[in-house]
Every structure is written in C-alpha cells, then in structure tokens.
Amino acid sequence: MISLVQLECFIAVAEELHFGAAASRLKMTQPPLSRQIQQLERELETQLFARTSRRVELTQAGRALLPSARRLIDLAAKAVADVKSVGKGAAGTLTIAYTAMAGQAVIPQLMRGASTALPDVSLLLREMVTLEQVDAIEKGTVDVGLMRPLLSRPQLMSRPVYREKLVVATMSDSPLAQRDDPVRLIDLIDEPLLMYSPGVARYFHDLLLSMFVASGVHPHISQYAGQIPTLLALVSAGLGVALVPESASSICPDTVALLPVSEKDPSDRVNRVELDIAWSRETQNPLVPAILALIDEEGGDVAIDALGA
C-alpha cells in the first residue's frame, strides 16, 4: 500500500531532482529518503527516476505519477485541516485557488478582510492557472477560484471580482517610454510584440487580438509566452513590447516601464481585463457563500474595481 510519506518523498525528489536537496527540504537524511523511493518503486513495480552519478531525472512513469501525487497530498492536507478546525470549534476550511496575478491584485486584500470578518476560518491558498482551477473545482479539491473568465461550464458559477486595463510594457530607456503622450496601438506597429500563448493564456491572447482589430493595427508578433512574469522578463531583455495588466506594476522590473494606452485609441472600448471568482454549483461548503458575501460587502476593501466602475 502506497503511503503519504512515500508520496511526499517522491514529490520532493521530483521537484528538486536531487536526493540531497530533497532530503534537506524534508529535514531527513538521504538514506531513509532513498529507501522510501525504493519502496514506492517496488509497490508500483516501475522505476520512477533515472539516476546517474551526475543527475536525477523523472522517467515517463514518474512524470505520470507526479500530478496525482500532488493531488493526493493536497486532499490529505485538506482533510487534516478540516478535522482540526472541527476539533477546535472553528468555522471550517476554505481552499482558494488563484492565478499568479490574482495573487498580486486580490489575494492580499481578501486575506486581510477574511482575517477580520472570518477570524475562525482556515484559508488554504493554491496558485494555479485557470484551466487547472476549473478541473480542481469540478473535482472538489478547491472550493473557489480566482480565475480569468471562461466560456460556459455547466458545473461552475462565476462572477467578476476585479477589473483593470492592459498597459504597454517597454524598456524604460526606449524611445516609446520617453514620450509624453499616452500610447496608441498604432505606435506599436514597428515594435516586436510579445504575445500571449493561445494554449496557455487564451483569455489574454484573444483580448489582445480584439484590441488590435479594434484599432485596425496588424502587430508584428515576435515571441509567445504563457505567463505575465515571463513577458516582463522578455521585455526587460529588450526582446520587444508587451501588454500586461496594470496590477503587474507590483512585479515589474526597474528596467521596464508601464505606459497607459490612450483612452482615445479605438481599442479602449475593449480594453477590459476581468478576474472572476468561480465555484461549483454543487458545493456543500457553507463558507463559499460567506466568502462571496465578504467580496460583495459594500465599501469593503476586497471588492476592487481598478476602473472605478
């Protein structure tokens, strides 16, 4: 029978790809860690790691096990947290998934508001991309998610919780950054555009396309990336310009300037970035309505609208 200890050891080695580093992370010595991995491989009757004197790599079987192992550990942690909260007479546990940018724009205010309004609630936070959140909510391993708007999903309910605009990210010493006037998309026509990957970041990809179509501009796309921090790093390296949410200012390198898109640009009518809160229609967790009420609270610090609408 596979144990949680074996799975925790497997995850540590899979993420570190080094037995010594994994052992240090788990605060144990290397020999018992190796024994746990060997026992797990015997139980599964397959090799999970390819080991040489210089490196450790996941086998195909190991790569297949990793997502399930993480899910099982998350479920176990959630079960333990639920039981402990009941034992202490607490209100319960709520698992919240969030995108990387939601972690910058919404999570800090949400946590502060919850600490005051729901002091006995244990909040478990998990950073996940939108599609991973949908899967986790449908499987019941996450209670609510802060994600980009989706097409209709019968099992999910959602509503906007945060809105902002896209701004132009460019090198801070570029000619574009030295201008006094707000940027129009036509100004980017000769700039290499760093575009969102349609597979990983479909929401942002489609939003940028709609903005350029509205402006009648055909951009020169030079690279694709799935995450906003990656786009900012590419801009910082001088590989092009990008359009990122205003809230990216909190993670923006000093070498990158964020410039507003002119309100007179035709793209302004579609320049709206939304973040939704989503939950399962079949949720049995009474804290889901509580967190929704907290977000909706009039005059509160959690329900934020960067556009002032």
Protein backbone atom coordinates (compact mmCIF):
# COMPACT_ATOMS: atom_id res chain seq x y z
CA MET A 1 0.00 0.00 0.00
CA ILE A 2 1.36 3.41 -1.00
CA SER A 3 1.81 5.78 1.95
CA LEU A 4 1.59 9.56 2.14
CA VAL A 5 5.19 9.63 3.39
CA GLN A 6 6.31 7.86 0.21
CA LEU A 7 4.38 10.33 -1.93
CA GLU A 8 5.83 13.33 -0.06
CA CYS A 9 9.32 11.94 -0.58
CA PHE A 10 8.61 11.30 -4.26
CA ILE A 11 7.29 14.85 -4.80
CA ALA A 12 10.33 16.38 -3.09
CA VAL A 13 12.78 14.43 -5.25
CA ALA A 14 10.71 15.08 -8.40
CA GLU A 15 10.75 18.84 -7.75
CA GLU A 16 14.37 19.10 -6.61
CA LEU A 17 15.80 16.44 -8.97
CA HIS A 18 18.46 15.92 -6.32
CA PHE A 19 18.25 13.44 -3.44
CA GLY A 20 20.42 15.54 -1.13
CA ALA A 21 18.38 18.70 -1.69
CA ALA A 22 15.13 16.76 -1.27
CA ALA A 23 16.34 15.21 1.97
CA SER A 24 17.34 18.64 3.30
CA ARG A 25 13.92 20.03 2.33
CA LEU A 26 12.18 17.19 4.22
CA LYS A 27 14.56 17.57 7.19
CA MET A 28 15.76 13.98 6.96
CA THR A 29 18.93 12.19 5.89
CA GLN A 30 19.40 10.80 2.41
CA PRO A 31 19.42 7.03 3.16
CA PRO A 32 15.85 6.86 4.57
CA LEU A 33 14.66 9.08 1.70
CA SER A 34 16.19 6.68 -0.81
CA ARG A 35 14.53 3.74 0.96
CA GLN A 36 11.12 5.42 0.74
CA ILE A 37 11.58 5.94 -3.01
CA GLN A 38 12.75 2.35 -3.48
CA GLN A 39 9.74 1.02 -1.54
CA LEU A 40 7.41 3.16 -3.66
CA GLU A 41 9.00 1.87 -6.88
CA ARG A 42 8.64 -1.73 -5.64
CA GLU A 43 5.00 -1.10 -4.76
CA LEU A 44 4.32 0.34 -8.23
CA GLU A 45 6.57 -2.20 -9.95
CA THR A 46 8.18 0.51 -12.06
CA GLN A 47 11.14 2.88 -11.97
CA LEU A 48 10.21 6.48 -11.19
CA PHE A 49 13.64 8.09 -11.53
CA ALA A 50 16.56 7.64 -13.89
CA ARG A 51 19.65 8.03 -11.73
CA THR A 52 23.25 8.64 -12.78
CA SER A 53 26.26 9.83 -10.80
CA ARG A 54 25.60 13.37 -12.05
CA ARG A 55 21.86 13.83 -12.30
CA VAL A 56 18.40 12.58 -11.41
CA GLU A 57 15.54 12.65 -13.93
CA LEU A 58 11.91 11.59 -13.85
CA THR A 59 11.02 8.61 -16.00
CA GLN A 60 7.85 8.66 -18.06
CA ALA A 61 6.12 6.76 -15.24
CA GLY A 62 7.39 9.31 -12.73
CA ARG A 63 6.02 12.19 -14.78
CA ALA A 64 2.67 10.42 -14.95
CA LEU A 65 2.58 9.93 -11.16
CA LEU A 66 3.54 13.49 -10.16
CA PRO A 67 0.16 15.28 -10.75
CA SER A 68 -1.76 12.52 -8.95
CA ALA A 69 0.71 12.51 -6.07
CA ARG A 70 0.31 16.26 -5.60
CA ARG A 71 -3.47 15.89 -5.69
CA LEU A 72 -3.44 13.16 -3.05
CA ILE A 73 -1.20 15.20 -0.74
CA ASP A 74 -3.47 18.23 -1.20
CA LEU A 75 -6.54 16.14 -0.38
CA ALA A 76 -4.85 14.74 2.71
CA ALA A 77 -3.82 18.23 3.87
CA LYS A 78 -7.37 19.48 3.33
CA ALA A 79 -8.80 16.56 5.30
CA VAL A 80 -6.42 17.19 8.20
CA ALA A 81 -7.21 20.91 8.21
CA ASP A 82 -10.96 20.17 8.19
CA VAL A 83 -10.73 17.76 11.12
CA LYS A 84 -8.53 20.10 13.15
CA SER A 85 -10.88 23.04 12.58
CA VAL A 86 -13.84 20.98 13.74
CA GLY A 87 -11.93 19.78 16.77
CA LYS A 88 -11.14 23.36 17.74
CA GLY A 89 -14.70 24.51 17.17
CA ALA A 90 -13.59 26.65 14.21
CA ALA A 91 -15.91 27.60 11.38
CA GLY A 92 -14.13 25.39 8.86
CA THR A 93 -11.72 25.43 5.96
CA LEU A 94 -11.92 27.07 2.55
CA THR A 95 -9.50 26.24 -0.25
CA ILE A 96 -8.92 29.15 -2.63
CA ALA A 97 -7.09 28.78 -5.94
CA TYR A 98 -5.75 31.87 -7.68
CA THR A 99 -3.78 32.89 -10.76
CA ALA A 100 -0.36 34.48 -10.30
CA MET A 101 -1.69 37.98 -10.99
CA ALA A 102 -4.67 37.45 -8.66
CA GLY A 103 -2.05 36.83 -6.01
CA GLN A 104 -0.84 40.38 -6.60
CA ALA A 105 -4.17 42.16 -7.13
CA VAL A 106 -6.78 40.45 -4.93
CA ILE A 107 -5.39 37.84 -2.53
CA PRO A 108 -3.72 40.31 -0.08
CA GLN A 109 -6.93 42.34 0.35
CA LEU A 110 -9.03 39.18 0.54
CA MET A 111 -6.83 37.70 3.27
CA ARG A 112 -6.92 40.92 5.29
CA GLY A 113 -10.70 41.12 5.00
CA ALA A 114 -11.15 37.46 5.94
CA SER A 115 -8.91 37.76 8.98
CA THR A 116 -11.32 40.37 10.37
CA ALA A 117 -14.70 39.11 9.12
CA LEU A 118 -13.97 35.36 9.32
CA PRO A 119 -11.34 35.02 12.03
CA ASP A 120 -12.03 31.33 12.70
CA VAL A 121 -11.83 30.24 9.08
CA SER A 122 -8.74 28.45 7.80
CA LEU A 123 -7.91 29.60 4.27
CA LEU A 124 -5.78 27.26 2.16
CA LEU A 125 -4.23 29.03 -0.86
CA ARG A 126 -3.13 27.29 -4.06
CA GLU A 127 -1.62 29.05 -7.08
CA MET A 128 -2.96 27.54 -10.32
CA VAL A 129 -3.63 28.61 -13.90
CA THR A 130 -7.28 28.99 -14.88
CA LEU A 131 -7.76 25.59 -16.55
CA GLU A 132 -6.20 23.81 -13.56
CA GLN A 133 -8.58 25.70 -11.27
CA VAL A 134 -11.62 24.58 -13.27
CA ASP A 135 -10.51 20.96 -13.03
CA ALA A 136 -9.84 21.26 -9.27
CA ILE A 137 -13.21 22.90 -8.53
CA GLU A 138 -15.05 20.25 -10.51
CA LYS A 139 -13.18 17.51 -8.65
CA GLY A 140 -13.84 19.13 -5.27
CA THR A 141 -10.21 19.73 -4.27
CA VAL A 142 -10.73 23.53 -4.46
CA ASP A 143 -13.74 25.44 -3.12
CA VAL A 144 -13.44 28.73 -5.02
CA GLY A 145 -11.10 30.00 -7.71
CA LEU A 146 -9.91 33.44 -8.76
CA MET A 147 -9.54 33.00 -12.50
CA ARG A 148 -9.92 34.60 -15.89
CA PRO A 149 -13.42 34.49 -17.43
CA LEU A 150 -14.36 31.20 -19.07
CA LEU A 151 -16.87 30.06 -21.62
CA SER A 152 -19.92 28.41 -20.07
CA ARG A 153 -19.15 25.48 -17.76
CA PRO A 154 -22.37 23.80 -16.54
CA GLN A 155 -20.88 22.79 -13.19
CA LEU A 156 -19.49 26.22 -12.34
CA MET A 157 -20.93 29.55 -11.31
CA SER A 158 -18.87 32.72 -11.54
CA ARG A 159 -18.98 36.50 -11.40
CA PRO A 160 -16.44 39.32 -11.82
CA VAL A 161 -14.47 40.38 -8.78
CA TYR A 162 -11.77 42.64 -10.25
CA ARG A 163 -11.37 44.75 -13.40
CA GLU A 164 -8.44 46.70 -14.79
CA LYS A 165 -6.83 47.72 -18.08
CA LEU A 166 -3.90 46.50 -20.09
CA VAL A 167 -0.88 48.78 -20.31
CA VAL A 168 2.16 48.72 -22.58
CA ALA A 169 5.35 47.26 -21.12
CA THR A 170 8.54 48.53 -22.76
CA MET A 171 12.17 49.12 -21.84
CA SER A 172 12.34 52.15 -19.56
CA ASP A 173 15.03 53.74 -21.76
CA SER A 174 13.22 53.09 -25.05
CA PRO A 175 12.02 55.98 -27.26
CA LEU A 176 8.45 54.85 -26.56
CA ALA A 177 8.95 55.37 -22.82
CA GLN A 178 10.31 58.88 -23.34
CA ARG A 179 7.09 60.18 -24.93
CA ASP A 180 4.73 62.43 -23.01
CA ASP A 181 1.53 61.31 -24.73
CA PRO A 182 -0.35 58.08 -23.91
CA VAL A 183 0.44 55.24 -26.29
CA ARG A 184 -1.81 54.32 -29.20
CA LEU A 185 -1.63 50.82 -30.62
CA ILE A 186 -0.59 52.25 -33.97
CA ASP A 187 2.61 53.35 -32.19
CA LEU A 188 3.49 49.67 -31.69
CA ILE A 189 3.22 48.68 -35.36
CA ASP A 190 7.02 48.58 -35.84
CA GLU A 191 7.73 47.09 -32.41
CA PRO A 192 8.27 43.32 -31.89
CA LEU A 193 5.18 42.24 -29.92
CA LEU A 194 5.49 39.62 -27.18
CA MET A 195 2.18 37.78 -27.41
CA TYR A 196 0.28 35.51 -25.04
CA SER A 197 0.27 31.85 -25.98
CA PRO A 198 -3.20 30.78 -27.21
CA GLY A 199 -2.81 27.40 -25.50
CA VAL A 200 -1.78 28.58 -22.03
CA ALA A 201 -3.20 32.11 -21.89
CA ARG A 202 -6.20 32.02 -24.24
CA TYR A 203 -8.06 34.83 -22.41
CA PHE A 204 -5.23 37.36 -22.80
CA HIS A 205 -4.43 36.15 -26.32
CA ASP A 206 -7.98 36.77 -27.51
CA LEU A 207 -8.21 40.11 -25.67
CA LEU A 208 -5.07 41.42 -27.38
CA LEU A 209 -6.33 40.30 -30.77
CA SER A 210 -9.63 42.12 -30.22
CA MET A 211 -7.77 45.30 -29.20
CA PHE A 212 -5.58 45.28 -32.30
CA VAL A 213 -8.56 44.52 -34.54
CA ALA A 214 -10.46 47.45 -32.98
CA SER A 215 -7.51 49.73 -33.73
CA GLY A 216 -7.01 48.39 -37.26
CA VAL A 217 -3.40 47.51 -36.43
CA HIS A 218 -1.58 44.36 -37.56
CA PRO A 219 1.13 43.74 -34.95
CA HIS A 220 4.48 42.09 -35.63
CA ILE A 221 4.46 39.14 -33.20
CA SER A 222 7.99 38.02 -32.34
CA GLN A 223 7.52 35.62 -29.40
CA TYR A 224 4.79 33.81 -27.46
CA ALA A 225 4.69 33.24 -23.70
CA GLY A 226 2.09 31.96 -21.26
CA GLN A 227 2.81 33.92 -18.08
CA ILE A 228 2.97 37.65 -17.34
CA PRO A 229 6.26 37.45 -15.36
CA THR A 230 7.83 35.75 -18.38
CA LEU A 231 6.62 38.50 -20.71
CA LEU A 232 8.05 41.17 -18.39
CA ALA A 233 11.38 39.32 -18.31
CA LEU A 234 11.45 39.22 -22.12
CA VAL A 235 10.67 42.95 -22.27
CA SER A 236 13.47 43.60 -19.77
CA ALA A 237 15.82 41.64 -22.04
CA GLY A 238 14.98 44.01 -24.89
CA LEU A 239 13.15 41.42 -26.99
CA GLY A 240 10.03 43.51 -27.60
CA VAL A 241 6.98 45.14 -26.04
CA ALA A 242 4.02 43.51 -24.31
CA LEU A 243 0.59 44.44 -23.00
CA VAL A 244 0.10 43.43 -19.38
CA PRO A 245 -2.45 44.19 -16.64
CA GLU A 246 -1.91 47.37 -14.63
CA SER A 247 -1.51 45.24 -11.48
CA ALA A 248 1.72 43.87 -12.99
CA SER A 249 3.35 47.05 -11.66
CA SER A 250 3.89 45.20 -8.37
CA ILE A 251 6.22 42.68 -10.07
CA CYS A 252 7.61 44.89 -12.82
CA PRO A 253 11.44 45.07 -13.09
CA ASP A 254 13.06 48.51 -12.74
CA THR A 255 14.23 48.23 -16.35
CA VAL A 256 10.65 48.08 -17.63
CA ALA A 257 8.19 51.00 -17.90
CA LEU A 258 4.41 50.52 -17.95
CA LEU A 259 2.64 53.04 -20.18
CA PRO A 260 -1.14 53.62 -20.36
CA VAL A 261 -2.96 53.05 -23.63
CA SER A 262 -4.68 56.25 -24.76
CA GLU A 263 -8.38 56.43 -23.95
CA LYS A 264 -8.79 57.93 -27.43
CA ASP A 265 -7.46 54.77 -29.04
CA PRO A 266 -10.27 52.67 -30.61
CA SER A 267 -9.09 49.71 -28.55
CA ASP A 268 -10.18 51.42 -25.33
CA ARG A 269 -13.73 50.11 -25.66
CA VAL A 270 -12.47 46.51 -25.33
CA ASN A 271 -9.52 47.15 -23.05
CA ARG A 272 -11.04 45.44 -20.00
CA VAL A 273 -9.25 42.73 -18.05
CA GLU A 274 -11.54 40.81 -15.72
CA LEU A 275 -10.87 38.41 -12.91
CA ASP A 276 -13.75 36.17 -11.86
CA ILE A 277 -14.48 34.24 -8.72
CA ALA A 278 -15.85 30.79 -9.54
CA TRP A 279 -17.31 27.94 -7.50
CA SER A 280 -19.20 24.69 -8.02
CA ARG A 281 -22.99 24.70 -8.27
CA GLU A 282 -22.96 21.61 -6.07
CA THR A 283 -20.69 22.93 -3.32
CA GLN A 284 -21.64 21.87 0.19
CA ASN A 285 -19.13 24.14 1.91
CA PRO A 286 -21.09 26.85 3.81
CA LEU A 287 -18.02 29.09 3.70
CA VAL A 288 -18.39 29.63 -0.05
CA PRO A 289 -21.41 31.96 0.43
CA ALA A 290 -19.55 33.60 3.30
CA ILE A 291 -16.52 34.47 1.16
CA LEU A 292 -18.79 35.70 -1.65
CA ALA A 293 -20.61 37.95 0.82
CA LEU A 294 -17.29 39.29 2.05
CA ILE A 295 -16.23 40.17 -1.51
CA ASP A 296 -19.58 41.83 -2.19
CA GLU A 297 -19.51 43.84 1.02
CA GLU A 298 -20.27 47.47 0.22
CA GLY A 299 -17.45 49.83 0.99
CA GLY A 300 -15.15 46.90 1.77
CA ASP A 301 -11.52 46.60 0.73
CA VAL A 302 -11.95 43.25 -1.01
CA ALA A 303 -14.33 44.05 -3.87
CA ILE A 304 -11.93 46.06 -6.00
CA ASP A 305 -12.52 47.73 -9.35
CA ALA A 306 -9.40 49.30 -10.79
CA LEU A 307 -11.51 51.02 -13.44
CA GLY A 308 -13.65 52.79 -10.88
CA ALA A 309 -16.82 51.43 -12.44
